[in-house]
C-alpha atoms as a PDB file:
ATOM      1  CA  UNK A   1     119.879  91.358  98.988  1.00  0.00           C
ATOM      2  CA  UNK A   2     122.125  89.164 100.625  1.00  0.00           C
ATOM      3  CA  UNK A   3     120.075  89.803 103.845  1.00  0.00           C
ATOM      4  CA  UNK A   4     117.048  88.920 102.181  1.00  0.00           C
ATOM      5  CA  UNK A   5     117.926  86.054 100.923  1.00  0.00           C
ATOM      6  CA  UNK A   6     119.319  84.355 104.177  1.00  0.00           C
ATOM      7  CA  UNK A   7     115.420  85.003 105.680  1.00  0.00           C
ATOM      8  CA  UNK A   8     113.719  83.809 102.277  1.00  0.00           C
ATOM      9  CA  UNK A   9     113.904  83.515  98.886  1.00  0.00           C
ATOM     10  CA  UNK A  10     114.869  85.963  96.310  1.00  0.00           C
ATOM     11  CA  UNK A  11     113.693  85.567  92.660  1.00  0.00           C
ATOM     12  CA  UNK A  12     115.711  87.692  90.187  1.00  0.00           C
ATOM     13  CA  UNK A  13     114.825  88.091  86.553  1.00  0.00           C
ATOM     14  CA  UNK A  14     117.889  88.892  84.324  1.00  0.00           C
ATOM     15  CA  UNK A  15     118.544  89.808  80.930  1.00  0.00           C
ATOM     16  CA  UNK A  16     119.446  86.904  78.933  1.00  0.00           C
ATOM     17  CA  UNK A  17     122.113  88.570  76.882  1.00  0.00           C
ATOM     18  CA  UNK A  18     123.914  90.820  79.552  1.00  0.00           C
ATOM     19  CA  UNK A  19     123.180  88.724  83.060  1.00  0.00           C
ATOM     20  CA  UNK A  20     122.112  92.091  84.166  1.00  0.00           C
ATOM     21  CA  UNK A  21     119.530  92.283  87.146  1.00  0.00           C
ATOM     22  CA  UNK A  22     116.274  93.747  85.944  1.00  0.00           C
ATOM     23  CA  UNK A  23     114.113  93.242  88.999  1.00  0.00           C
ATOM     24  CA  UNK A  24     114.056  91.310  92.391  1.00  0.00           C
ATOM     25  CA  UNK A  25     111.346  90.140  94.531  1.00  0.00           C
ATOM     26  CA  UNK A  26     111.471  88.558  98.410  1.00  0.00           C
ATOM     27  CA  UNK A  27     109.453  85.813  98.658  1.00  0.00           C
ATOM     28  CA  UNK A  28     108.658  84.316 102.375  1.00  0.00           C
ATOM     29  CA  UNK A  29     107.008  81.991 104.835  1.00  0.00           C
ATOM     30  CA  UNK A  30     105.038  83.490 107.720  1.00  0.00           C
ATOM     31  CA  UNK A  31     106.695  83.754 111.190  1.00  0.00           C
ATOM     32  CA  UNK A  32     110.212  84.976 109.466  1.00  0.00           C
ATOM     33  CA  UNK A  33     112.015  87.757 109.758  1.00  0.00           C
ATOM     34  CA  UNK A  34     110.402  89.413 107.089  1.00  0.00           C
ATOM     35  CA  UNK A  35     106.986  88.540 107.124  1.00  0.00           C
ATOM     36  CA  UNK A  36     104.818  90.780 108.043  1.00  0.00           C
ATOM     37  CA  UNK A  37     100.859  90.005 107.065  1.00  0.00           C
ATOM     38  CA  UNK A  38     101.175  86.431 105.976  1.00  0.00           C
ATOM     39  CA  UNK A  39      99.236  83.871 108.776  1.00  0.00           C
ATOM     40  CA  UNK A  40      99.518  80.080 108.861  1.00  0.00           C
ATOM     41  CA  UNK A  41      99.473  78.458 105.384  1.00  0.00           C
ATOM     42  CA  UNK A  42      99.899  81.530 103.497  1.00  0.00           C
ATOM     43  CA  UNK A  43     103.235  82.982 101.488  1.00  0.00           C
ATOM     44  CA  UNK A  44     104.078  86.781 101.113  1.00  0.00           C
ATOM     45  CA  UNK A  45     106.154  88.409  98.974  1.00  0.00           C
ATOM     46  CA  UNK A  46     107.895  91.891  99.595  1.00  0.00           C
ATOM     47  CA  UNK A  47     110.319  94.831  97.871  1.00  0.00           C
ATOM     48  CA  UNK A  48     109.050  93.631  94.655  1.00  0.00           C
ATOM     49  CA  UNK A  49     111.589  96.359  92.743  1.00  0.00           C
ATOM     50  CA  UNK A  50     112.155  96.960  88.709  1.00  0.00           C
ATOM     51  CA  UNK A  51     114.814  98.959  87.019  1.00  0.00           C
ATOM     52  CA  UNK A  52     113.425 101.847  85.926  1.00  0.00           C
ATOM     53  CA  UNK A  53     114.878 101.524  82.490  1.00  0.00           C
ATOM     54  CA  UNK A  54     112.797  98.183  81.873  1.00  0.00           C
ATOM     55  CA  UNK A  55     109.691  99.096  83.491  1.00  0.00           C
ATOM     56  CA  UNK A  56     106.226  98.498  81.934  1.00  0.00           C
ATOM     57  CA  UNK A  57     108.085  94.979  79.731  1.00  0.00           C
ATOM     58  CA  UNK A  58     106.736  92.186  81.658  1.00  0.00           C
ATOM     59  CA  UNK A  59     109.615  92.113  84.418  1.00  0.00           C
ATOM     60  CA  UNK A  60     107.351  92.525  87.253  1.00  0.00           C
ATOM     61  CA  UNK A  61     104.649  90.137  86.287  1.00  0.00           C
ATOM     62  CA  UNK A  62     107.481  87.424  85.428  1.00  0.00           C
ATOM     63  CA  UNK A  63     108.482  87.845  89.383  1.00  0.00           C
ATOM     64  CA  UNK A  64     104.787  87.859  90.868  1.00  0.00           C
ATOM     65  CA  UNK A  65     104.090  84.895  88.316  1.00  0.00           C
ATOM     66  CA  UNK A  66     107.185  83.302  90.500  1.00  0.00           C
ATOM     67  CA  UNK A  67     105.631  83.996  93.847  1.00  0.00           C
ATOM     68  CA  UNK A  68     102.482  82.533  92.228  1.00  0.00           C
ATOM     69  CA  UNK A  69     104.141  79.831  91.506  1.00  0.00           C
ATOM     70  CA  UNK A  70     106.531  78.731  94.361  1.00  0.00           C
ATOM     71  CA  UNK A  71     103.305  79.332  97.017  1.00  0.00           C
ATOM     72  CA  UNK A  72     101.158  77.010  95.126  1.00  0.00           C
ATOM     73  CA  UNK A  73     104.333  74.525  95.109  1.00  0.00           C
ATOM     74  CA  UNK A  74     104.532  74.453  98.661  1.00  0.00           C
ATOM     75  CA  UNK A  75     100.770  74.052  99.374  1.00  0.00           C
ATOM     76  CA  UNK A  76      99.669  77.563 100.168  1.00  0.00           C
ATOM     77  CA  UNK A  77      96.170  78.711 100.440  1.00  0.00           C
ATOM     78  CA  UNK A  78      96.949  82.357  99.747  1.00  0.00           C
ATOM     79  CA  UNK A  79      99.760  84.683  98.770  1.00  0.00           C
ATOM     80  CA  UNK A  80      99.570  87.896 100.345  1.00  0.00           C
ATOM     81  CA  UNK A  81     101.483  91.579  99.727  1.00  0.00           C
ATOM     82  CA  UNK A  82     101.536  94.652 101.156  1.00  0.00           C
ATOM     83  CA  UNK A  83     101.257  97.917  98.915  1.00  0.00           C
ATOM     84  CA  UNK A  84     101.945 101.931  99.592  1.00  0.00           C
ATOM     85  CA  UNK A  85      98.278 103.389  99.578  1.00  0.00           C
ATOM     86  CA  UNK A  86      99.201 105.540  96.629  1.00  0.00           C
ATOM     87  CA  UNK A  87     100.693 102.752  94.688  1.00  0.00           C
ATOM     88  CA  UNK A  88      98.258 102.582  91.710  1.00  0.00           C
ATOM     89  CA  UNK A  89     100.634 100.886  89.028  1.00  0.00           C
ATOM     90  CA  UNK A  90     101.390  98.020  91.242  1.00  0.00           C
ATOM     91  CA  UNK A  91      97.572  97.713  92.537  1.00  0.00           C
ATOM     92  CA  UNK A  92      96.615  97.242  88.846  1.00  0.00           C
ATOM     93  CA  UNK A  93      99.259  94.286  88.371  1.00  0.00           C
ATOM     94  CA  UNK A  94      97.886  92.437  91.417  1.00  0.00           C
ATOM     95  CA  UNK A  95      94.745  92.820  90.499  1.00  0.00           C
ATOM     96  CA  UNK A  96      95.207  91.271  86.845  1.00  0.00           C
ATOM     97  CA  UNK A  97      96.492  88.233  88.860  1.00  0.00           C
ATOM     98  CA  UNK A  98      93.327  88.139  91.361  1.00  0.00           C
ATOM     99  CA  UNK A  99      94.512  89.828  94.719  1.00  0.00           C
ATOM    100  CA  UNK A 100      91.732  91.745  96.336  1.00  0.00           C
ATOM    101  CA  UNK A 101      92.082  94.323  99.503  1.00  0.00           C
ATOM    102  CA  UNK A 102      92.118  92.468 102.828  1.00  0.00           C
ATOM    103  CA  UNK A 103      91.374  95.564 104.737  1.00  0.00           C
ATOM    104  CA  UNK A 104      91.447  94.280 108.324  1.00  0.00           C
ATOM    105  CA  UNK A 105      94.949  93.324 107.738  1.00  0.00           C
ATOM    106  CA  UNK A 106      96.255  96.896 106.187  1.00  0.00           C
ATOM    107  CA  UNK A 107      99.264  98.431 108.530  1.00  0.00           C
ATOM    108  CA  UNK A 108     101.739 101.347 109.559  1.00  0.00           C
ATOM    109  CA  UNK A 109     105.150 100.229 109.673  1.00  0.00           C
ATOM    110  CA  UNK A 110     105.761 104.084 110.730  1.00  0.00           C
ATOM    111  CA  UNK A 111     102.894 106.933 111.289  1.00  0.00           C
ATOM    112  CA  UNK A 112     103.084 108.411 107.950  1.00  0.00           C
ATOM    113  CA  UNK A 113     103.275 105.158 106.170  1.00  0.00           C
ATOM    114  CA  UNK A 114      99.859 103.062 105.393  1.00  0.00           C
ATOM    115  CA  UNK A 115     100.465  99.926 103.617  1.00  0.00           C
ATOM    116  CA  UNK A 116      97.610  98.205 102.096  1.00  0.00           C
ATOM    117  CA  UNK A 117      97.255  94.611 102.111  1.00  0.00           C
ATOM    118  CA  UNK A 118      96.288  92.280  99.274  1.00  0.00           C
ATOM    119  CA  UNK A 119      95.077  88.620  99.080  1.00  0.00           C
ATOM    120  CA  UNK A 120      95.273  85.981  96.783  1.00  0.00           C
ATOM    121  CA  UNK A 121      93.370  83.037  97.133  1.00  0.00           C
ATOM    122  CA  UNK A 122      95.441  79.921  95.880  1.00  0.00           C
ATOM    123  CA  UNK A 123      93.453  76.796  94.443  1.00  0.00           C
ATOM    124  CA  UNK A 124      94.017  73.913  96.531  1.00  0.00           C
ATOM    125  CA  UNK A 125      96.688  71.369  95.503  1.00  0.00           C
ATOM    126  CA  UNK A 126      95.460  68.375  93.997  1.00  0.00           C
ATOM    127  CA  UNK A 127      95.958  64.879  95.601  1.00  0.00           C
ATOM    128  CA  UNK A 128      98.386  62.370  93.479  1.00  0.00           C
ATOM    129  CA  UNK A 129      96.154  59.544  93.172  1.00  0.00           C
ATOM    130  CA  UNK A 130      97.749  56.061  92.319  1.00  0.00           C
END
């Protein structure tokens, strides 16, 4: 995790009672060491993982929300994620946020690994008026 944190932001969900980590995700901007599909003005998150003992309890949803909030706060126009082609539960979660397939950015880090790119258009940041 330290390496990823050095090249992006880490969001970690922690149990309030025990301080035990429940899940984590890496948030990055384009051009960094861990950015794969984000373009100018976009943000990307990757390696979202949740402890199997607490899956289906909203941890992944909270981590995705943290990424959406951070991208919005930075004024990004979109948020992207790459998911394995067989990761149906993850794709269903992202669909609930409004992520859509962006097949022209699908890619293969290795010949046997197919990654699908999902894209969420973010609303424009409203300018403050004085």
